[in-house]
Amino acid sequence: MAVLHLISHTHWDREWYLPFQEFRLKLVQLIDGTLDLLARDRGFRHFMLDGQTIGGTCCPTNSW
């Protein structure tokens, strides 16, 4: 029997097709939603941010 590993993740490109501030807002929303999901769903235990995401410097006004 095959084993499937599903890895929840994001690949974040700042300023790819939207201005930086619009992507920054989307990143804050993504992180806030992910943290909420991690807190309320015991089955959702991991989420991987890629190396391009530096939450503390990209989103200094975050709520986390």
C-alpha atoms as a PDB file:
ATOM      1  CA  MET A   1       0.000   0.000   0.000  1.00  0.00           C
ATOM      2  CA  ALA A   2       1.315   3.443  -0.937  1.00  0.00           C
ATOM      3  CA  VAL A   3       1.708   6.189   1.656  1.00  0.00           C
ATOM      4  CA  LEU A   4       0.807   9.732   0.697  1.00  0.00           C
ATOM      5  CA  HIS A   5       2.312  12.719   2.515  1.00  0.00           C
ATOM      6  CA  LEU A   6       0.506  16.013   2.019  1.00  0.00           C
ATOM      7  CA  ILE A   7       2.467  19.120   3.012  1.00  0.00           C
ATOM      8  CA  SER A   8       0.499  22.331   3.470  1.00  0.00           C
ATOM      9  CA  HIS A   9       2.727  25.128   2.257  1.00  0.00           C
ATOM     10  CA  THR A  10       3.022  28.376   0.380  1.00  0.00           C
ATOM     11  CA  HIS A  11       5.473  29.820  -2.079  1.00  0.00           C
ATOM     12  CA  TRP A  12       5.400  33.562  -1.639  1.00  0.00           C
ATOM     13  CA  ASP A  13       6.584  35.976  -4.349  1.00  0.00           C
ATOM     14  CA  ARG A  14       6.511  39.579  -3.221  1.00  0.00           C
ATOM     15  CA  GLU A  15       5.534  42.059  -5.925  1.00  0.00           C
ATOM     16  CA  TRP A  16       5.047  39.431  -8.584  1.00  0.00           C
ATOM     17  CA  TYR A  17       1.806  40.694 -10.148  1.00  0.00           C
ATOM     18  CA  LEU A  18       0.485  43.044  -7.450  1.00  0.00           C
ATOM     19  CA  PRO A  19       2.132  45.944  -5.624  1.00  0.00           C
ATOM     20  CA  PHE A  20       4.103  45.052  -2.475  1.00  0.00           C
ATOM     21  CA  GLN A  21       1.473  46.427  -0.077  1.00  0.00           C
ATOM     22  CA  GLU A  22      -1.293  44.288  -1.597  1.00  0.00           C
ATOM     23  CA  PHE A  23       0.830  41.152  -1.304  1.00  0.00           C
ATOM     24  CA  ARG A  24       1.769  42.150   2.235  1.00  0.00           C
ATOM     25  CA  LEU A  25      -1.915  42.328   3.222  1.00  0.00           C
ATOM     26  CA  LYS A  26      -2.540  38.929   1.653  1.00  0.00           C
ATOM     27  CA  LEU A  27       0.412  37.469   3.571  1.00  0.00           C
ATOM     28  CA  VAL A  28      -0.930  38.815   6.873  1.00  0.00           C
ATOM     29  CA  GLN A  29      -4.344  37.304   6.085  1.00  0.00           C
ATOM     30  CA  LEU A  30      -2.727  33.985   5.147  1.00  0.00           C
ATOM     31  CA  ILE A  31      -0.690  33.806   8.356  1.00  0.00           C
ATOM     32  CA  ASP A  32      -3.606  34.868  10.571  1.00  0.00           C
ATOM     33  CA  GLY A  33      -5.889  32.275   8.977  1.00  0.00           C
ATOM     34  CA  THR A  34      -3.245  29.556   9.190  1.00  0.00           C
ATOM     35  CA  LEU A  35      -2.561  30.260  12.866  1.00  0.00           C
ATOM     36  CA  ASP A  36      -6.293  30.138  13.576  1.00  0.00           C
ATOM     37  CA  LEU A  37      -6.568  26.806  11.751  1.00  0.00           C
ATOM     38  CA  LEU A  38      -3.572  25.369  13.604  1.00  0.00           C
ATOM     39  CA  ALA A  39      -5.117  26.435  16.925  1.00  0.00           C
ATOM     40  CA  ARG A  40      -8.589  24.964  16.330  1.00  0.00           C
ATOM     41  CA  ASP A  41      -7.920  21.802  14.280  1.00  0.00           C
ATOM     42  CA  ARG A  42      -5.793  19.202  16.051  1.00  0.00           C
ATOM     43  CA  GLY A  43      -5.399  17.304  12.775  1.00  0.00           C
ATOM     44  CA  PHE A  44      -3.775  20.281  11.060  1.00  0.00           C
ATOM     45  CA  ARG A  45      -0.385  20.368  12.754  1.00  0.00           C
ATOM     46  CA  HIS A  46       2.120  21.720  10.247  1.00  0.00           C
ATOM     47  CA  PHE A  47       2.439  24.489   7.680  1.00  0.00           C
ATOM     48  CA  MET A  48       5.585  25.318   5.735  1.00  0.00           C
ATOM     49  CA  LEU A  49       6.517  28.837   4.642  1.00  0.00           C
ATOM     50  CA  ASP A  50       9.098  28.955   1.903  1.00  0.00           C
ATOM     51  CA  GLY A  51      12.454  30.681   2.212  1.00  0.00           C
ATOM     52  CA  GLN A  52      11.199  33.867   0.570  1.00  0.00           C
ATOM     53  CA  THR A  53       8.789  34.571   3.421  1.00  0.00           C
ATOM     54  CA  ILE A  54      10.182  36.569   6.300  1.00  0.00           C
ATOM     55  CA  GLY A  55       7.048  37.243   8.319  1.00  0.00           C
ATOM     56  CA  GLY A  56       8.611  39.567  10.860  1.00  0.00           C
ATOM     57  CA  THR A  57      10.055  41.926   8.269  1.00  0.00           C
ATOM     58  CA  CYS A  58       7.413  41.583   5.556  1.00  0.00           C
ATOM     59  CA  CYS A  59       4.554  42.157   7.954  1.00  0.00           C
ATOM     60  CA  PRO A  60       5.634  44.358  10.867  1.00  0.00           C
ATOM     61  CA  THR A  61       2.003  45.225  11.661  1.00  0.00           C
ATOM     62  CA  ASN A  62       0.939  41.608  12.049  1.00  0.00           C
ATOM     63  CA  SER A  63      -1.346  40.419  14.812  1.00  0.00           C
ATOM     64  CA  TRP A  64       0.820  37.425  15.659  1.00  0.00           C
END
